[in-house]
Protein backbone atom coordinates (compact mmCIF):
# COMPACT_ATOMS: atom_id res chain seq x y z
CA MET A 1 3.95 -53.94 -115.09
CA THR A 2 1.74 -56.36 -117.03
CA ALA A 3 0.48 -58.57 -114.19
CA THR A 4 -3.30 -58.46 -113.79
CA ALA A 5 -3.98 -60.71 -110.78
CA LEU A 6 -4.86 -59.13 -107.42
CA GLU A 7 -6.04 -60.66 -104.16
CA VAL A 8 -7.11 -59.83 -100.63
CA TRP A 9 -5.46 -61.85 -97.86
CA GLY A 10 -6.43 -62.17 -94.21
CA ASP A 11 -7.84 -64.49 -91.58
CA PRO A 12 -10.82 -64.65 -91.50
CA ILE A 13 -11.46 -63.60 -95.09
CA ASP A 14 -14.87 -64.94 -96.19
CA HIS A 15 -16.62 -61.79 -94.93
CA SER A 16 -14.52 -59.42 -97.05
CA LEU A 17 -16.43 -57.13 -99.40
CA SER A 18 -13.27 -56.11 -101.24
CA PRO A 19 -13.80 -58.55 -104.16
CA VAL A 20 -17.22 -56.99 -104.79
CA LEU A 21 -15.82 -53.46 -104.81
CA HIS A 22 -12.77 -54.19 -106.92
CA ALA A 23 -14.60 -56.32 -109.48
CA ALA A 24 -17.17 -53.55 -110.00
CA ALA A 25 -14.44 -50.97 -110.49
CA TYR A 26 -12.45 -53.09 -112.94
CA ARG A 27 -15.54 -53.76 -115.03
CA ARG A 28 -16.33 -50.04 -115.21
CA LEU A 29 -12.73 -49.21 -116.11
CA GLY A 30 -12.63 -51.94 -118.75
CA TRP A 31 -9.58 -53.58 -117.18
CA ALA A 32 -9.07 -57.33 -117.57
CA TRP A 33 -7.91 -57.68 -113.99
CA THR A 34 -8.93 -60.40 -111.56
CA TYR A 35 -9.38 -60.00 -107.81
CA GLY A 36 -9.61 -63.04 -105.55
CA ARG A 37 -9.44 -63.78 -101.85
CA ARG A 38 -7.17 -66.09 -99.90
CA ARG A 39 -7.15 -67.09 -96.27
CA VAL A 40 -3.65 -66.42 -94.92
CA ASP A 41 -2.81 -66.11 -91.24
CA GLU A 42 0.09 -64.18 -89.78
CA ALA A 43 2.33 -67.23 -89.32
CA ALA A 44 1.97 -68.21 -92.99
CA PHE A 45 2.20 -64.73 -94.49
CA ALA A 46 5.95 -64.44 -95.18
CA ASP A 47 6.14 -67.83 -96.91
CA ALA A 48 2.97 -67.17 -98.88
CA LEU A 49 4.28 -63.84 -100.12
CA ALA A 50 7.69 -65.27 -101.01
CA SER A 51 6.06 -68.04 -103.03
CA GLU A 52 4.18 -65.61 -105.27
CA GLY A 53 5.58 -65.26 -108.78
CA PRO A 54 5.16 -62.39 -111.24
CA ARG A 55 1.46 -63.18 -111.85
CA LEU A 56 0.48 -61.11 -108.82
CA ARG A 57 0.25 -57.35 -109.34
CA GLY A 58 -0.66 -56.47 -105.76
CA LEU A 59 -2.44 -57.37 -102.56
CA SER A 60 -5.01 -55.96 -100.21
CA LEU A 61 -4.32 -56.95 -96.59
CA THR A 62 -6.81 -57.18 -93.79
CA MET A 63 -6.35 -58.26 -90.19
CA PRO A 64 -4.13 -59.73 -88.86
CA LEU A 65 -1.63 -59.08 -91.67
CA LYS A 66 -1.13 -55.30 -91.69
CA THR A 67 1.92 -55.33 -89.42
CA ALA A 68 3.49 -58.28 -91.25
CA ALA A 69 2.92 -56.53 -94.58
CA HIS A 70 4.62 -53.43 -93.19
CA ALA A 71 7.67 -55.54 -92.35
CA ALA A 72 7.68 -57.17 -95.79
CA ALA A 73 7.59 -53.92 -97.79
CA ALA A 74 10.80 -52.68 -99.40
CA SER A 75 9.44 -49.12 -99.36
CA LEU A 76 6.57 -47.37 -97.63
CA ASP A 77 4.35 -44.38 -98.24
CA ALA A 78 4.29 -41.71 -95.53
CA ARG A 79 1.04 -42.96 -93.98
CA ALA A 80 2.29 -46.53 -93.74
CA GLU A 81 5.52 -45.31 -92.15
CA LEU A 82 3.63 -43.29 -89.54
CA THR A 83 1.09 -45.96 -88.66
CA GLY A 84 3.30 -49.05 -88.85
CA ALA A 85 0.50 -50.69 -90.85
CA VAL A 86 0.22 -51.65 -94.52
CA ASN A 87 -3.09 -52.68 -96.09
CA THR A 88 -1.86 -52.51 -99.71
CA LEU A 89 1.20 -54.06 -101.35
CA VAL A 90 2.11 -53.23 -104.94
CA ARG A 91 4.84 -55.05 -106.83
CA ALA A 92 7.67 -52.74 -107.91
CA ALA A 93 11.12 -53.19 -109.42
CA GLY A 94 12.83 -53.04 -106.04
CA GLY A 95 10.34 -55.21 -104.17
CA TRP A 96 6.91 -54.60 -102.66
CA THR A 97 5.77 -51.03 -102.00
CA GLY A 98 3.53 -50.71 -98.95
CA PHE A 99 0.66 -48.25 -98.59
CA ASN A 100 -1.84 -47.46 -95.88
CA THR A 101 -5.04 -46.46 -97.69
CA ASP A 102 -7.15 -46.73 -94.53
CA VAL A 103 -6.01 -43.23 -93.57
CA GLY A 104 -7.26 -41.69 -96.80
CA GLY A 105 -10.43 -43.76 -96.53
CA ILE A 106 -11.20 -42.30 -93.10
CA VAL A 107 -10.53 -38.74 -94.27
CA ALA A 108 -12.81 -39.15 -97.31
CA ALA A 109 -15.57 -40.81 -95.27
CA LEU A 110 -15.57 -37.93 -92.78
CA ARG A 111 -15.66 -35.36 -95.57
CA GLU A 112 -18.70 -37.12 -97.01
CA GLN A 113 -20.35 -36.37 -93.67
CA GLY A 114 -19.61 -32.66 -94.18
CA LEU A 115 -16.51 -32.49 -91.98
CA GLN A 116 -13.87 -30.67 -94.01
CA THR A 117 -11.74 -29.52 -91.08
CA ALA A 118 -11.91 -29.68 -87.29
CA SER A 119 -9.80 -28.97 -84.22
CA THR A 120 -10.98 -31.41 -81.54
CA GLY A 121 -11.52 -35.14 -81.87
CA ARG A 122 -11.96 -38.41 -80.05
CA ILE A 123 -11.00 -41.97 -80.93
CA VAL A 124 -12.86 -44.81 -79.22
CA GLY A 125 -10.55 -47.78 -78.77
CA ALA A 126 -6.77 -48.00 -78.90
CA GLY A 127 -6.15 -51.01 -81.14
CA ALA A 128 -4.47 -51.21 -84.54
CA THR A 129 -7.07 -49.19 -86.45
CA ALA A 130 -6.80 -46.35 -83.93
CA MET A 131 -3.37 -45.43 -85.31
CA SER A 132 -4.78 -44.95 -88.81
CA ALA A 133 -7.62 -42.91 -87.31
CA LEU A 134 -5.12 -40.70 -85.47
CA VAL A 135 -3.16 -39.94 -88.65
CA ALA A 136 -6.40 -39.28 -90.55
CA LEU A 137 -7.63 -36.87 -87.89
CA SER A 138 -4.33 -35.02 -87.99
CA GLU A 139 -4.85 -34.51 -91.72
CA ILE A 140 -8.18 -32.73 -91.16
CA GLY A 141 -6.62 -30.40 -88.60
CA ILE A 142 -7.19 -32.10 -85.22
CA ARG A 143 -4.69 -30.89 -82.64
CA ASP A 144 -6.59 -31.79 -79.46
CA LEU A 145 -7.33 -35.53 -79.38
CA GLN A 146 -8.82 -37.77 -76.72
CA VAL A 147 -8.57 -41.55 -76.86
CA ALA A 148 -11.26 -43.38 -74.88
CA ALA A 149 -9.82 -46.76 -73.97
CA ARG A 150 -10.24 -49.45 -71.36
CA ARG A 151 -6.47 -49.52 -70.73
CA PRO A 152 -4.79 -46.09 -70.53
CA GLU A 153 -1.36 -47.64 -71.21
CA ALA A 154 -2.60 -48.69 -74.66
CA VAL A 155 -2.67 -45.01 -75.61
CA ASP A 156 1.11 -44.55 -75.21
CA ALA A 157 1.97 -45.49 -78.81
CA LEU A 158 -0.75 -43.18 -80.12
CA ARG A 159 0.58 -40.36 -77.96
CA ARG A 160 4.08 -40.74 -79.37
CA VAL A 161 2.88 -40.55 -82.98
CA GLY A 162 0.58 -37.68 -82.07
CA GLU A 163 3.55 -35.72 -80.76
CA ARG A 164 5.30 -36.16 -84.12
CA LEU A 165 2.22 -34.69 -85.79
CA GLY A 166 1.78 -31.78 -83.40
CA MET A 167 -1.23 -33.28 -81.63
CA ALA A 168 -1.93 -33.32 -77.90
CA VAL A 169 -3.21 -36.84 -77.18
CA ALA A 170 -4.90 -37.58 -73.85
CA ALA A 171 -6.25 -40.88 -72.55
CA VAL A 172 -9.76 -40.81 -71.08
CA PRO A 173 -11.65 -43.70 -69.49
CA LEU A 174 -14.13 -45.63 -71.54
CA SER A 175 -16.92 -45.10 -69.05
CA ALA A 176 -20.27 -43.39 -68.69
CA ALA A 177 -18.71 -40.23 -67.25
CA ARG A 178 -19.56 -37.04 -69.15
CA LEU A 179 -16.81 -36.03 -71.56
CA PRO A 180 -16.01 -32.66 -73.17
CA ALA A 181 -17.61 -31.92 -76.52
CA ARG A 182 -15.69 -32.89 -79.66
CA ASP A 183 -15.99 -32.01 -83.34
CA VAL A 184 -15.57 -35.62 -84.48
CA THR A 185 -15.50 -39.16 -83.08
CA VAL A 186 -13.93 -42.16 -84.80
CA ALA A 187 -14.83 -45.51 -83.24
CA THR A 188 -12.28 -48.26 -83.89
CA LEU A 189 -13.62 -51.02 -81.65
CA PRO A 190 -13.67 -54.52 -83.18
CA GLY A 191 -16.88 -55.85 -84.64
CA GLY A 192 -19.11 -57.48 -82.07
CA VAL A 193 -18.15 -55.13 -79.23
CA ARG A 194 -21.31 -53.47 -77.95
CA LEU A 195 -20.96 -50.71 -75.40
CA PRO A 196 -23.58 -50.30 -72.67
CA ASP A 197 -26.12 -47.59 -73.51
CA GLY A 198 -24.82 -45.34 -70.76
CA VAL A 199 -21.33 -45.33 -72.25
CA ALA A 200 -22.56 -44.98 -75.83
CA ASP A 201 -24.85 -42.10 -74.86
CA SER A 202 -22.06 -40.33 -72.97
CA LEU A 203 -19.81 -40.53 -76.03
CA ALA A 204 -22.64 -39.33 -78.31
CA ASP A 205 -23.42 -36.26 -76.20
CA GLY A 206 -21.42 -33.55 -77.92
CA GLY A 207 -19.46 -36.18 -79.85
CA GLY A 208 -19.70 -34.38 -83.19
CA VAL A 209 -19.63 -36.32 -86.45
CA LEU A 210 -19.25 -40.10 -85.98
CA LEU A 211 -17.40 -42.62 -88.13
CA ASP A 212 -17.72 -46.15 -86.75
CA VAL A 213 -15.32 -48.39 -88.68
CA VAL A 214 -17.41 -51.55 -88.10
CA TYR A 215 -19.43 -52.70 -91.12
CA GLY A 216 -21.63 -55.60 -92.10
CA ARG A 217 -23.04 -56.14 -88.61
CA GLY A 218 -25.94 -53.71 -88.60
CA PRO A 219 -26.25 -50.73 -86.24
CA THR A 220 -23.81 -50.57 -83.34
CA SER A 221 -24.53 -49.12 -79.91
CA LEU A 222 -22.66 -46.00 -81.02
CA THR A 223 -24.47 -45.47 -84.33
CA GLU A 224 -27.75 -46.01 -82.48
CA ALA A 225 -26.78 -43.41 -79.85
CA TRP A 226 -25.91 -40.89 -82.56
CA ALA A 227 -29.18 -41.65 -84.37
CA ARG A 228 -31.16 -40.91 -81.21
CA ARG A 229 -29.67 -37.42 -81.32
CA GLY A 230 -30.13 -36.91 -85.04
CA ALA A 231 -26.37 -36.39 -85.34
CA PRO A 232 -24.36 -37.23 -88.48
CA ALA A 233 -22.87 -40.73 -88.48
CA ALA A 234 -21.42 -43.22 -90.95
CA ASP A 235 -20.43 -46.86 -90.58
CA GLY A 236 -17.31 -48.56 -91.86
CA GLU A 237 -18.62 -49.18 -95.37
CA ALA A 238 -17.81 -45.54 -96.18
CA MET A 239 -14.21 -46.03 -95.10
CA LEU A 240 -14.04 -49.37 -96.94
CA LEU A 241 -15.26 -47.79 -100.16
CA HIS A 242 -12.85 -44.88 -100.15
CA GLN A 243 -9.81 -46.88 -99.10
CA ALA A 244 -10.56 -49.32 -101.95
CA VAL A 245 -10.52 -46.48 -104.47
CA ARG A 246 -7.08 -45.52 -103.20
CA GLN A 247 -5.92 -49.12 -103.42
CA ILE A 248 -6.96 -49.26 -107.06
CA ARG A 249 -5.04 -46.05 -107.72
CA ALA A 250 -1.96 -47.66 -106.20
CA PHE A 251 -2.44 -50.86 -108.20
CA ALA A 252 -2.81 -48.82 -111.40
CA THR A 253 0.03 -46.32 -111.08
CA GLY A 254 1.91 -46.93 -107.85
CA ASP A 255 0.58 -43.58 -106.60
CA VAL A 256 -2.44 -43.23 -104.33
CA THR A 257 -2.87 -39.55 -105.19
CA THR A 258 -3.44 -39.97 -108.96
CA PRO A 259 -7.20 -40.19 -109.63
CA LEU A 260 -8.61 -43.03 -111.70
CA PRO A 261 -10.12 -42.32 -115.13
CA ASP A 262 -13.70 -41.07 -114.58
CA GLU A 263 -13.18 -41.62 -110.86
CA ASP A 264 -16.49 -40.10 -109.76
CA ASP A 265 -18.36 -42.60 -111.91
CA VAL A 266 -16.14 -45.47 -110.76
CA LEU A 267 -16.88 -44.51 -107.16
CA ALA A 268 -20.62 -44.47 -107.87
CA VAL A 269 -20.46 -47.93 -109.46
CA MET A 270 -18.54 -49.28 -106.46
CA ARG A 271 -21.03 -47.75 -104.06
CA ARG A 272 -23.94 -49.40 -105.85
CA ALA A 273 -22.10 -52.75 -105.76
CA LEU A 274 -21.58 -52.32 -102.02
CA MET A 275 -25.31 -51.77 -101.61
CA GLY A 276 -26.05 -54.93 -103.58
CA ASP A 277 -27.40 -53.19 -106.70
């Protein structure tokens, strides 16, 4: 495949840091690829994708397009099939191949925090990102998972996928009640949601390592609660960085498991770009 144009689509899209990350990586790799952004909502997605000619090598997809991209893909990697979400489309001979690199991004972000394996976990929130978090936690060994959600019925889909993966998934109320200790917590609440201190502190008590997928908004009530305890925590920039590396792998070879040339150095360059250096 000779196409060199790549883009990130979503709505809203102006906040996306993906162009910064990808441009830094392509410069380091010496690839004459371009990476732009385009505002596309869910209603316009199918027509926009169909109108794209061979110039486009692949796409990054952000909300609200991950389900629509899943439907548009001619083939899926295992993580995309499990989650029902695609955040990466790569042009292939038989049509678009869909990948979910969020899962690998979560796993890598947790391992940066020193969590190589664990047995008990908690997800905060039961929206779209929670499914990727569930699959990621299964990959680090979680078999006992709690999902703290405002609506217990929202956990049903997560429970069904958990059963396929050999996980016991239980819904717990998102309240200030004391909860059992966990090895790891992944918060998937949308940006702008701020939990009351009582709830955040309850989740932080014995909550293990925290990954809060929100980024670009400063500390959240959860990262602040973890900080008060001196407990390990990372925000969503860690996930964003590592999922982007896996996207670039897919764009390069069609395989998210094949490392990039000098990948450690590429990762360092991307991290500095994310920090504004």
